[in-house]
């Protein structure tokens, strides 16, 4: 599926209030380890993890350990806490991607959580010849015509820490403008989103694009728990394991496919 989710407005209040369920998702992760041990293994290509707003590399620990176990050369961005989309971090990210590509001799996959996904999209825009694929987790990759529909508390926090204009700063940022000016990127992109996300509404976490290389994948869960959600981890492993140049949209089959559709389209809200 590539069409953006046909939702409008802010995340529902109930979804905002139950975001702390992320701690339960983290606590349940060990119980899913037997399932995750059967996730597809990779070919060892480099993977760069990008944390969300006000998060650092430590928040990516589950993804880092899991993907290394699956055989990837996993690195984190190394810039400390993500305090907003800033020029110095954007420029440094491009250089890091190019260095990883040069050192390994292989293209780099980018996995960004929340605002980290915006950085991932920018990195793919600036160095497409070095990027193998992009996976975003609940990332505000599409600007709502009315501006960001994130909850007022999130926008206030962004104004306090990142920019006085808040999330609207993305609309005027020179580097972000260049990214929005390019409607599609020539690399495979998988946008993972949840309709019960209490931070980034699904219409902002999904994209319209080329169905041959761009997709939106729905999952159940919170925004703050995406990086520990066992279904998300499985999906990330599945997407990364595809042979280079042979990307196909996510389409789970058999028992796992039926279970996925039951969890995401019948039992999930929205």
Protein backbone atom coordinates (compact mmCIF):
# COMPACT_ATOMS: atom_id res chain seq x y z
CA UNK A 1 0.00 0.00 0.00
CA UNK A 2 1.40 3.43 -0.92
CA UNK A 3 -1.55 5.79 -0.52
CA UNK A 4 -1.44 7.96 2.56
CA UNK A 5 -3.79 7.09 5.39
CA UNK A 6 -7.10 8.96 4.91
CA UNK A 7 -7.25 10.39 8.41
CA UNK A 8 -7.30 14.05 9.36
CA UNK A 9 -6.82 16.03 12.50
CA UNK A 10 -4.84 15.50 15.67
CA UNK A 11 -4.24 12.13 17.33
CA UNK A 12 -7.30 11.14 19.32
CA UNK A 13 -7.21 12.17 22.96
CA UNK A 14 -7.52 8.59 24.14
CA UNK A 15 -4.44 7.65 22.11
CA UNK A 16 -2.51 10.54 23.63
CA UNK A 17 -3.51 9.52 27.14
CA UNK A 18 -2.49 5.88 26.72
CA UNK A 19 0.95 6.55 25.22
CA UNK A 20 2.52 5.26 28.49
CA UNK A 21 1.48 1.81 27.28
CA UNK A 22 4.89 1.93 25.62
CA UNK A 23 6.35 0.68 28.91
CA UNK A 24 4.12 -2.39 28.70
CA UNK A 25 5.27 -2.98 25.12
CA UNK A 26 8.87 -2.82 26.29
CA UNK A 27 8.18 -5.23 29.14
CA UNK A 28 6.53 -7.73 26.79
CA UNK A 29 9.37 -7.73 24.26
CA UNK A 30 11.36 -10.57 25.92
CA UNK A 31 8.33 -12.85 25.59
CA UNK A 32 8.49 -12.43 21.82
CA UNK A 33 12.16 -13.35 21.47
CA UNK A 34 11.43 -16.90 20.21
CA UNK A 35 9.35 -15.41 17.40
CA UNK A 36 11.97 -12.78 16.59
CA UNK A 37 14.67 -15.46 16.47
CA UNK A 38 12.93 -16.73 13.35
CA UNK A 39 12.91 -13.33 11.63
CA UNK A 40 14.73 -13.11 8.28
CA UNK A 41 18.50 -12.80 8.48
CA UNK A 42 20.38 -10.17 6.52
CA UNK A 43 23.40 -10.03 4.25
CA UNK A 44 25.61 -7.94 6.54
CA UNK A 45 25.17 -4.59 4.81
CA UNK A 46 25.49 -1.43 6.97
CA UNK A 47 22.43 -0.08 8.77
CA UNK A 48 22.29 3.36 10.40
CA UNK A 49 19.79 3.97 13.24
CA UNK A 50 18.48 7.51 13.83
CA UNK A 51 16.73 8.39 17.13
CA UNK A 52 13.64 10.51 17.61
CA UNK A 53 13.22 13.99 19.05
CA UNK A 54 14.82 14.37 22.51
CA UNK A 55 16.12 10.79 22.26
CA UNK A 56 19.65 9.49 21.86
CA UNK A 57 21.34 6.28 20.78
CA UNK A 58 20.30 4.48 23.99
CA UNK A 59 16.66 4.45 22.87
CA UNK A 60 17.63 2.39 19.82
CA UNK A 61 19.09 -0.44 21.91
CA UNK A 62 16.44 -3.03 21.03
CA UNK A 63 16.77 -2.38 17.31
CA UNK A 64 20.55 -2.30 17.55
CA UNK A 65 20.85 -5.64 19.37
CA UNK A 66 18.18 -7.31 17.27
CA UNK A 67 19.58 -6.22 13.91
CA UNK A 68 23.13 -7.13 14.88
CA UNK A 69 21.79 -10.56 15.81
CA UNK A 70 20.25 -10.74 12.34
CA UNK A 71 23.69 -10.19 10.83
CA UNK A 72 23.83 -6.48 10.00
CA UNK A 73 26.64 -3.99 10.51
CA UNK A 74 24.62 -1.65 12.74
CA UNK A 75 25.67 1.86 13.73
CA UNK A 76 23.92 4.78 15.43
CA UNK A 77 24.21 8.36 14.30
CA UNK A 78 26.71 9.42 17.01
CA UNK A 79 25.51 13.02 17.38
CA UNK A 80 24.08 12.68 20.88
CA UNK A 81 20.53 13.72 21.66
CA UNK A 82 18.26 14.64 18.75
CA UNK A 83 17.22 18.20 19.58
CA UNK A 84 15.49 19.06 16.33
CA UNK A 85 16.16 19.22 12.60
CA UNK A 86 19.31 21.34 12.60
CA UNK A 87 21.66 22.13 9.75
CA UNK A 88 24.81 20.92 11.48
CA UNK A 89 23.29 17.50 12.20
CA UNK A 90 21.82 17.24 8.70
CA UNK A 91 25.20 18.00 7.12
CA UNK A 92 27.02 15.63 9.48
CA UNK A 93 24.52 12.87 8.70
CA UNK A 94 25.19 13.14 4.97
CA UNK A 95 28.92 12.84 5.60
CA UNK A 96 28.41 9.85 7.89
CA UNK A 97 26.32 8.04 5.26
CA UNK A 98 28.96 8.70 2.62
CA UNK A 99 31.72 7.50 4.94
CA UNK A 100 29.86 4.29 5.84
CA UNK A 101 29.29 3.63 2.15
CA UNK A 102 32.94 4.27 1.30
CA UNK A 103 34.29 2.19 4.18
CA UNK A 104 32.06 -0.83 3.59
CA UNK A 105 31.81 -0.61 -0.17
CA UNK A 106 28.08 -1.23 0.19
CA UNK A 107 24.97 0.92 0.27
CA UNK A 108 23.57 1.91 3.67
CA UNK A 109 20.03 1.30 4.94
CA UNK A 110 18.57 4.04 7.16
CA UNK A 111 16.11 3.34 9.97
CA UNK A 112 14.68 6.45 11.65
CA UNK A 113 12.27 6.61 14.55
CA UNK A 114 9.98 9.67 14.74
CA UNK A 115 12.05 12.77 13.88
CA UNK A 116 14.91 10.40 13.06
CA UNK A 117 12.86 9.36 10.03
CA UNK A 118 12.91 12.94 8.76
CA UNK A 119 16.70 12.86 9.01
CA UNK A 120 16.69 9.51 7.19
CA UNK A 121 14.63 10.94 4.33
CA UNK A 122 16.97 13.91 4.11
CA UNK A 123 20.04 11.65 4.08
CA UNK A 124 18.54 9.61 1.24
CA UNK A 125 17.77 12.82 -0.64
CA UNK A 126 21.32 14.13 -0.34
CA UNK A 127 23.19 10.88 -0.98
CA UNK A 128 20.85 8.56 -2.91
CA UNK A 129 23.77 6.74 -4.52
CA UNK A 130 24.90 5.65 -1.04
CA UNK A 131 21.50 4.57 0.33
CA UNK A 132 19.97 1.13 -0.11
CA UNK A 133 16.62 1.72 1.61
CA UNK A 134 14.83 3.90 4.16
CA UNK A 135 12.51 2.74 6.95
CA UNK A 136 10.67 5.30 9.06
CA UNK A 137 8.86 4.52 12.33
CA UNK A 138 6.04 6.92 13.16
CA UNK A 139 7.91 9.77 11.46
CA UNK A 140 6.33 13.10 10.39
CA UNK A 141 7.45 12.66 6.77
CA UNK A 142 4.44 14.45 5.22
CA UNK A 143 3.37 17.93 6.27
CA UNK A 144 -0.36 18.33 6.85
CA UNK A 145 -1.73 21.24 4.74
CA UNK A 146 -2.86 22.90 7.98
CA UNK A 147 0.52 22.45 9.61
CA UNK A 148 1.58 19.86 12.16
CA UNK A 149 -1.33 18.12 13.87
CA UNK A 150 0.79 16.76 16.73
CA UNK A 151 -0.62 17.41 20.24
CA UNK A 152 -0.10 20.90 21.72
CA UNK A 153 2.30 19.53 24.36
CA UNK A 154 4.58 18.07 21.69
CA UNK A 155 4.61 21.33 19.73
CA UNK A 156 5.28 23.35 22.89
CA UNK A 157 8.21 21.08 23.76
CA UNK A 158 9.62 21.50 20.26
CA UNK A 159 9.33 25.28 20.54
CA UNK A 160 11.10 25.23 23.89
CA UNK A 161 13.99 22.99 22.87
CA UNK A 162 14.39 23.06 19.11
CA UNK A 163 13.00 26.26 17.57
CA UNK A 164 10.77 29.20 18.66
CA UNK A 165 8.53 28.50 15.65
CA UNK A 166 7.98 24.97 16.85
CA UNK A 167 7.27 22.22 14.33
CA UNK A 168 6.38 24.92 11.78
CA UNK A 169 10.12 25.54 11.50
CA UNK A 170 10.28 22.50 9.22
CA UNK A 171 8.20 24.38 6.66
CA UNK A 172 10.74 27.21 6.40
CA UNK A 173 13.99 25.31 7.00
CA UNK A 174 16.11 25.55 3.84
CA UNK A 175 17.16 21.89 3.92
CA UNK A 176 13.63 20.70 4.67
CA UNK A 177 12.28 22.82 1.82
CA UNK A 178 14.63 21.09 -0.55
CA UNK A 179 13.42 17.72 0.69
CA UNK A 180 9.74 18.64 0.24
CA UNK A 181 10.47 19.97 -3.23
CA UNK A 182 11.32 16.47 -4.35
CA UNK A 183 8.07 14.52 -4.37
CA UNK A 184 9.66 11.07 -4.49
CA UNK A 185 13.03 9.59 -3.66
CA UNK A 186 14.71 7.03 -5.95
CA UNK A 187 15.24 4.53 -3.12
CA UNK A 188 12.86 2.02 -1.47
CA UNK A 189 10.97 3.63 1.42
CA UNK A 190 8.84 1.84 4.02
CA UNK A 191 6.83 4.09 6.35
CA UNK A 192 5.68 2.17 9.41
CA UNK A 193 2.79 3.88 11.21
CA UNK A 194 0.13 3.26 13.85
CA UNK A 195 -3.41 4.62 13.78
CA UNK A 196 -3.28 4.73 17.60
CA UNK A 197 -0.10 6.83 17.60
CA UNK A 198 -0.60 9.53 20.22
CA UNK A 199 2.16 11.82 18.91
CA UNK A 200 2.32 11.78 15.10
CA UNK A 201 -1.03 11.34 13.30
CA UNK A 202 -1.07 8.71 10.53
CA UNK A 203 -1.66 11.16 7.68
CA UNK A 204 1.71 12.73 8.54
CA UNK A 205 3.50 9.40 9.05
CA UNK A 206 2.59 8.06 5.60
CA UNK A 207 3.54 9.06 2.06
CA UNK A 208 2.22 9.01 -1.47
CA UNK A 209 4.80 7.66 -3.84
CA UNK A 210 5.79 5.14 -6.45
CA UNK A 211 4.14 1.80 -5.50
CA UNK A 212 7.13 0.00 -7.02
CA UNK A 213 9.47 1.29 -4.29
CA UNK A 214 7.38 3.18 -1.69
CA UNK A 215 4.96 1.76 0.86
CA UNK A 216 3.09 2.44 4.11
CA UNK A 217 2.87 -0.37 6.66
CA UNK A 218 0.32 -0.25 9.44
CA UNK A 219 1.03 -1.67 12.89
CA UNK A 220 -0.76 -1.61 16.26
CA UNK A 221 0.95 0.18 19.12
CA UNK A 222 2.08 3.43 20.67
CA UNK A 223 4.46 6.04 19.26
CA UNK A 224 6.92 5.80 22.15
CA UNK A 225 7.02 2.02 21.93
CA UNK A 226 7.65 1.60 18.19
CA UNK A 227 11.32 0.81 18.66
CA UNK A 228 10.43 -2.03 21.08
CA UNK A 229 7.34 -3.31 19.31
CA UNK A 230 8.04 -6.95 18.27
CA UNK A 231 5.91 -6.64 15.13
CA UNK A 232 7.84 -3.53 14.11
CA UNK A 233 11.15 -5.31 14.70
CA UNK A 234 9.99 -8.21 12.56
CA UNK A 235 8.89 -5.85 9.77
CA UNK A 236 12.20 -3.99 9.86
CA UNK A 237 14.08 -7.30 9.56
CA UNK A 238 11.85 -8.37 6.68
CA UNK A 239 12.39 -5.11 4.80
CA UNK A 240 16.15 -5.06 5.32
CA UNK A 241 16.57 -8.71 4.28
CA UNK A 242 15.43 -8.13 0.70
CA UNK A 243 18.24 -8.57 -1.85
CA UNK A 244 19.59 -5.29 -3.15
CA UNK A 245 17.86 -4.30 -6.36
CA UNK A 246 15.02 -6.79 -5.77
CA UNK A 247 12.80 -4.80 -3.41
CA UNK A 248 9.17 -5.87 -3.14
CA UNK A 249 6.29 -4.34 -1.11
CA UNK A 250 5.53 -5.89 2.27
CA UNK A 251 3.07 -8.74 1.79
CA UNK A 252 3.22 -11.37 4.55
CA UNK A 253 1.76 -14.71 3.58
CA UNK A 254 0.48 -17.83 5.31
CA UNK A 255 -0.30 -17.92 9.02
CA UNK A 256 1.91 -14.90 9.78
CA UNK A 257 0.14 -12.90 7.07
CA UNK A 258 -3.30 -13.74 8.41
CA UNK A 259 -2.20 -12.87 11.93
CA UNK A 260 -0.73 -9.58 10.76
CA UNK A 261 -3.92 -8.56 8.98
CA UNK A 262 -6.02 -9.58 11.98
CA UNK A 263 -3.89 -7.46 14.36
CA UNK A 264 -3.64 -4.41 12.15
CA UNK A 265 -6.90 -4.18 10.21
CA UNK A 266 -9.51 -5.95 12.29
CA UNK A 267 -8.54 -5.63 15.93
CA UNK A 268 -6.68 -2.32 15.75
CA UNK A 269 -8.65 0.92 16.28
CA UNK A 270 -9.26 3.33 13.42
